[in-house]
N, C-alpha and C. Protein backbone atom coordinates (compact mmCIF):
# COMPACT_ATOMS: atom_id res chain seq x y z
N MET A 1 -146.90 45.58 -68.45
CA MET A 1 -147.76 46.57 -67.83
C MET A 1 -146.87 47.49 -67.00
N ASP A 2 -147.08 48.78 -67.14
CA ASP A 2 -146.32 49.73 -66.35
C ASP A 2 -147.07 50.05 -65.05
N GLU A 3 -146.43 50.86 -64.21
CA GLU A 3 -147.02 51.15 -62.89
C GLU A 3 -148.35 51.88 -63.00
N VAL A 4 -148.46 52.81 -63.93
CA VAL A 4 -149.70 53.57 -64.09
C VAL A 4 -150.85 52.64 -64.45
N ALA A 5 -150.61 51.74 -65.40
CA ALA A 5 -151.65 50.79 -65.81
C ALA A 5 -151.99 49.84 -64.66
N PHE A 6 -150.99 49.40 -63.92
CA PHE A 6 -151.23 48.51 -62.78
C PHE A 6 -152.11 49.20 -61.74
N ARG A 7 -151.75 50.43 -61.39
CA ARG A 7 -152.54 51.17 -60.40
C ARG A 7 -153.98 51.37 -60.89
N LYS A 8 -154.13 51.69 -62.17
CA LYS A 8 -155.47 51.89 -62.74
C LYS A 8 -156.28 50.61 -62.67
N ASN A 9 -155.68 49.49 -63.06
CA ASN A 9 -156.38 48.21 -63.01
C ASN A 9 -156.75 47.82 -61.58
N MET A 10 -155.85 48.05 -60.65
CA MET A 10 -156.13 47.72 -59.25
C MET A 10 -157.19 48.64 -58.67
N ALA A 11 -157.17 49.92 -59.07
CA ALA A 11 -158.20 50.87 -58.61
C ALA A 11 -159.59 50.43 -59.08
N ALA A 12 -159.65 49.89 -60.29
CA ALA A 12 -160.93 49.39 -60.82
C ALA A 12 -161.46 48.23 -59.99
N LEU A 13 -160.55 47.54 -59.30
CA LEU A 13 -160.94 46.43 -58.42
C LEU A 13 -161.12 46.87 -56.97
N GLY A 14 -160.95 48.17 -56.72
CA GLY A 14 -161.15 48.69 -55.38
C GLY A 14 -159.90 48.82 -54.53
N TYR A 15 -158.72 48.67 -55.13
CA TYR A 15 -157.46 48.77 -54.38
C TYR A 15 -156.80 50.12 -54.62
N ASP A 16 -156.34 50.74 -53.53
CA ASP A 16 -155.57 51.97 -53.61
C ASP A 16 -154.34 51.77 -52.74
N PHE A 17 -153.20 51.57 -53.35
CA PHE A 17 -151.97 51.27 -52.61
C PHE A 17 -151.28 52.52 -52.08
N GLY A 18 -151.61 53.68 -52.64
CA GLY A 18 -150.96 54.91 -52.21
C GLY A 18 -149.45 54.80 -52.33
N ASP A 19 -148.75 55.27 -51.31
CA ASP A 19 -147.29 55.23 -51.36
C ASP A 19 -146.72 53.90 -50.85
N ARG A 20 -147.60 52.95 -50.52
CA ARG A 20 -147.14 51.65 -50.03
C ARG A 20 -146.71 50.71 -51.15
N LEU A 21 -147.03 51.05 -52.38
CA LEU A 21 -146.71 50.19 -53.53
C LEU A 21 -145.26 50.35 -53.94
N VAL A 22 -144.57 49.24 -54.05
CA VAL A 22 -143.24 49.23 -54.64
C VAL A 22 -143.38 48.47 -55.95
N PHE A 23 -143.31 49.19 -57.03
CA PHE A 23 -143.49 48.59 -58.35
C PHE A 23 -142.12 48.28 -58.90
N TRP A 24 -141.89 47.03 -59.19
CA TRP A 24 -140.58 46.57 -59.63
C TRP A 24 -140.75 45.88 -60.97
N GLU A 25 -140.20 46.47 -62.01
CA GLU A 25 -140.29 45.89 -63.34
C GLU A 25 -138.93 45.35 -63.71
N ALA A 26 -138.88 44.07 -63.98
CA ALA A 26 -137.61 43.43 -64.31
C ALA A 26 -137.78 42.60 -65.56
N PRO A 27 -136.90 42.79 -66.53
CA PRO A 27 -136.97 41.94 -67.72
C PRO A 27 -136.60 40.51 -67.36
N LEU A 28 -137.31 39.58 -67.94
CA LEU A 28 -137.06 38.17 -67.65
C LEU A 28 -136.10 37.62 -68.68
N THR A 29 -134.82 37.72 -68.36
CA THR A 29 -133.81 37.22 -69.28
C THR A 29 -133.29 35.87 -68.82
N GLU A 30 -133.05 35.73 -67.55
CA GLU A 30 -132.56 34.46 -67.00
C GLU A 30 -133.41 34.16 -65.77
N ALA A 31 -134.26 33.17 -65.89
CA ALA A 31 -135.27 32.89 -64.87
C ALA A 31 -134.67 32.64 -63.49
N GLY A 32 -133.62 31.86 -63.41
CA GLY A 32 -133.03 31.55 -62.11
C GLY A 32 -132.55 32.78 -61.37
N ALA A 33 -131.83 33.65 -62.07
CA ALA A 33 -131.33 34.87 -61.45
C ALA A 33 -132.48 35.79 -61.06
N PHE A 34 -133.48 35.89 -61.92
CA PHE A 34 -134.64 36.73 -61.62
C PHE A 34 -135.33 36.26 -60.34
N PHE A 35 -135.62 34.96 -60.25
CA PHE A 35 -136.34 34.47 -59.08
C PHE A 35 -135.50 34.51 -57.82
N ASN A 36 -134.20 34.33 -57.92
CA ASN A 36 -133.34 34.49 -56.75
C ASN A 36 -133.39 35.93 -56.24
N THR A 37 -133.34 36.89 -57.15
CA THR A 37 -133.43 38.29 -56.77
C THR A 37 -134.80 38.59 -56.16
N LEU A 38 -135.84 38.03 -56.74
CA LEU A 38 -137.19 38.22 -56.22
C LEU A 38 -137.30 37.70 -54.80
N VAL A 39 -136.84 36.48 -54.56
CA VAL A 39 -136.91 35.89 -53.22
C VAL A 39 -136.13 36.75 -52.22
N ASP A 40 -134.92 37.15 -52.58
CA ASP A 40 -134.12 37.98 -51.68
C ASP A 40 -134.83 39.30 -51.36
N SER A 41 -135.44 39.91 -52.36
CA SER A 41 -136.15 41.18 -52.16
C SER A 41 -137.36 41.01 -51.25
N VAL A 42 -138.11 39.95 -51.46
CA VAL A 42 -139.30 39.70 -50.63
C VAL A 42 -138.90 39.45 -49.18
N ILE A 43 -137.86 38.70 -48.98
CA ILE A 43 -137.40 38.42 -47.62
C ILE A 43 -136.92 39.71 -46.95
N ARG A 44 -136.21 40.53 -47.69
CA ARG A 44 -135.68 41.78 -47.15
C ARG A 44 -136.78 42.80 -46.88
N GLU A 45 -137.70 42.97 -47.82
CA GLU A 45 -138.74 44.01 -47.71
C GLU A 45 -139.95 43.57 -46.89
N ARG A 46 -140.21 42.27 -46.82
CA ARG A 46 -141.33 41.71 -46.07
C ARG A 46 -142.67 42.36 -46.43
N PRO A 47 -143.05 42.32 -47.71
CA PRO A 47 -144.30 42.97 -48.11
C PRO A 47 -145.52 42.24 -47.57
N GLY A 48 -146.61 42.97 -47.44
CA GLY A 48 -147.87 42.36 -47.03
C GLY A 48 -148.53 41.60 -48.15
N ALA A 49 -148.18 41.94 -49.38
CA ALA A 49 -148.72 41.26 -50.56
C ALA A 49 -147.69 41.33 -51.67
N LEU A 50 -147.73 40.34 -52.52
CA LEU A 50 -146.82 40.28 -53.66
C LEU A 50 -147.63 39.91 -54.89
N VAL A 51 -147.48 40.69 -55.94
CA VAL A 51 -148.16 40.42 -57.21
C VAL A 51 -147.09 40.17 -58.25
N ILE A 52 -147.16 39.02 -58.88
CA ILE A 52 -146.25 38.69 -59.97
C ILE A 52 -147.10 38.60 -61.22
N ASP A 53 -146.85 39.52 -62.13
CA ASP A 53 -147.63 39.57 -63.36
C ASP A 53 -146.80 38.96 -64.49
N SER A 54 -147.46 38.47 -65.47
CA SER A 54 -146.85 37.88 -66.66
C SER A 54 -146.14 36.56 -66.38
N VAL A 55 -146.70 35.78 -65.48
CA VAL A 55 -146.16 34.45 -65.23
C VAL A 55 -146.28 33.59 -66.48
N THR A 56 -147.30 33.86 -67.28
CA THR A 56 -147.46 33.10 -68.52
C THR A 56 -146.29 33.34 -69.46
N GLU A 57 -145.72 34.55 -69.44
CA GLU A 57 -144.54 34.83 -70.26
C GLU A 57 -143.38 33.97 -69.81
N PHE A 58 -143.20 33.85 -68.51
CA PHE A 58 -142.14 33.00 -67.97
C PHE A 58 -142.35 31.55 -68.40
N LEU A 59 -143.58 31.07 -68.29
CA LEU A 59 -143.86 29.69 -68.67
C LEU A 59 -143.61 29.46 -70.16
N SER A 60 -143.90 30.47 -70.98
CA SER A 60 -143.69 30.31 -72.42
C SER A 60 -142.21 30.27 -72.78
N LEU A 61 -141.35 30.79 -71.90
CA LEU A 61 -139.91 30.75 -72.16
C LEU A 61 -139.28 29.43 -71.71
N GLY A 62 -140.10 28.51 -71.25
CA GLY A 62 -139.60 27.20 -70.87
C GLY A 62 -139.49 26.98 -69.38
N GLY A 63 -139.87 27.97 -68.59
CA GLY A 63 -139.87 27.79 -67.14
C GLY A 63 -141.04 26.92 -66.74
N GLY A 64 -140.87 26.13 -65.75
CA GLY A 64 -141.94 25.25 -65.31
C GLY A 64 -142.64 25.78 -64.07
N VAL A 65 -143.84 25.29 -63.85
CA VAL A 65 -144.60 25.67 -62.66
C VAL A 65 -143.83 25.28 -61.41
N ASP A 66 -143.00 24.26 -61.50
CA ASP A 66 -142.23 23.83 -60.33
C ASP A 66 -141.29 24.93 -59.84
N ILE A 67 -140.79 25.76 -60.74
CA ILE A 67 -139.92 26.86 -60.32
C ILE A 67 -140.73 27.88 -59.53
N ILE A 68 -141.93 28.17 -59.97
CA ILE A 68 -142.79 29.12 -59.25
C ILE A 68 -143.13 28.55 -57.88
N HIS A 69 -143.46 27.29 -57.81
CA HIS A 69 -143.73 26.65 -56.51
C HIS A 69 -142.51 26.74 -55.60
N ASN A 70 -141.34 26.54 -56.17
CA ASN A 70 -140.10 26.62 -55.40
C ASN A 70 -139.90 28.02 -54.83
N VAL A 71 -140.18 29.04 -55.62
CA VAL A 71 -140.04 30.42 -55.16
C VAL A 71 -140.99 30.68 -53.99
N VAL A 72 -142.24 30.29 -54.15
CA VAL A 72 -143.22 30.49 -53.07
C VAL A 72 -142.79 29.74 -51.81
N TYR A 73 -142.35 28.52 -51.95
CA TYR A 73 -141.89 27.75 -50.80
C TYR A 73 -140.70 28.43 -50.11
N ARG A 74 -139.73 28.90 -50.90
CA ARG A 74 -138.54 29.54 -50.32
C ARG A 74 -138.91 30.79 -49.54
N VAL A 75 -139.82 31.57 -50.09
CA VAL A 75 -140.24 32.80 -49.39
C VAL A 75 -140.97 32.45 -48.09
N ILE A 76 -141.90 31.53 -48.17
CA ILE A 76 -142.68 31.17 -46.98
C ILE A 76 -141.79 30.54 -45.91
N SER A 77 -140.91 29.64 -46.30
CA SER A 77 -140.09 28.96 -45.32
C SER A 77 -139.11 29.90 -44.63
N ARG A 78 -138.67 30.96 -45.31
CA ARG A 78 -137.76 31.93 -44.69
C ARG A 78 -138.47 32.95 -43.83
N ARG A 79 -139.77 33.12 -44.04
CA ARG A 79 -140.53 34.12 -43.28
C ARG A 79 -141.09 33.55 -42.01
N VAL A 80 -141.19 32.25 -41.91
CA VAL A 80 -141.82 31.64 -40.72
C VAL A 80 -140.86 31.65 -39.57
């Protein structure tokens, strides 16, 4: 999904992010590197919300739910 489609879908749900949206599209080639970059970016940018789309694609490539839990834990534990 590109940024235009994301904004359109979110607008249909009543969300208007305006210029506050940082849309980051990254190909999922190596899950560990991707999630490390994601965690570092979230910690640095401190967003009010984070949307990760296509988690099912990650799971289909052999990534486990435990990696997603680990990412969430790492972000939360560094923000507290």
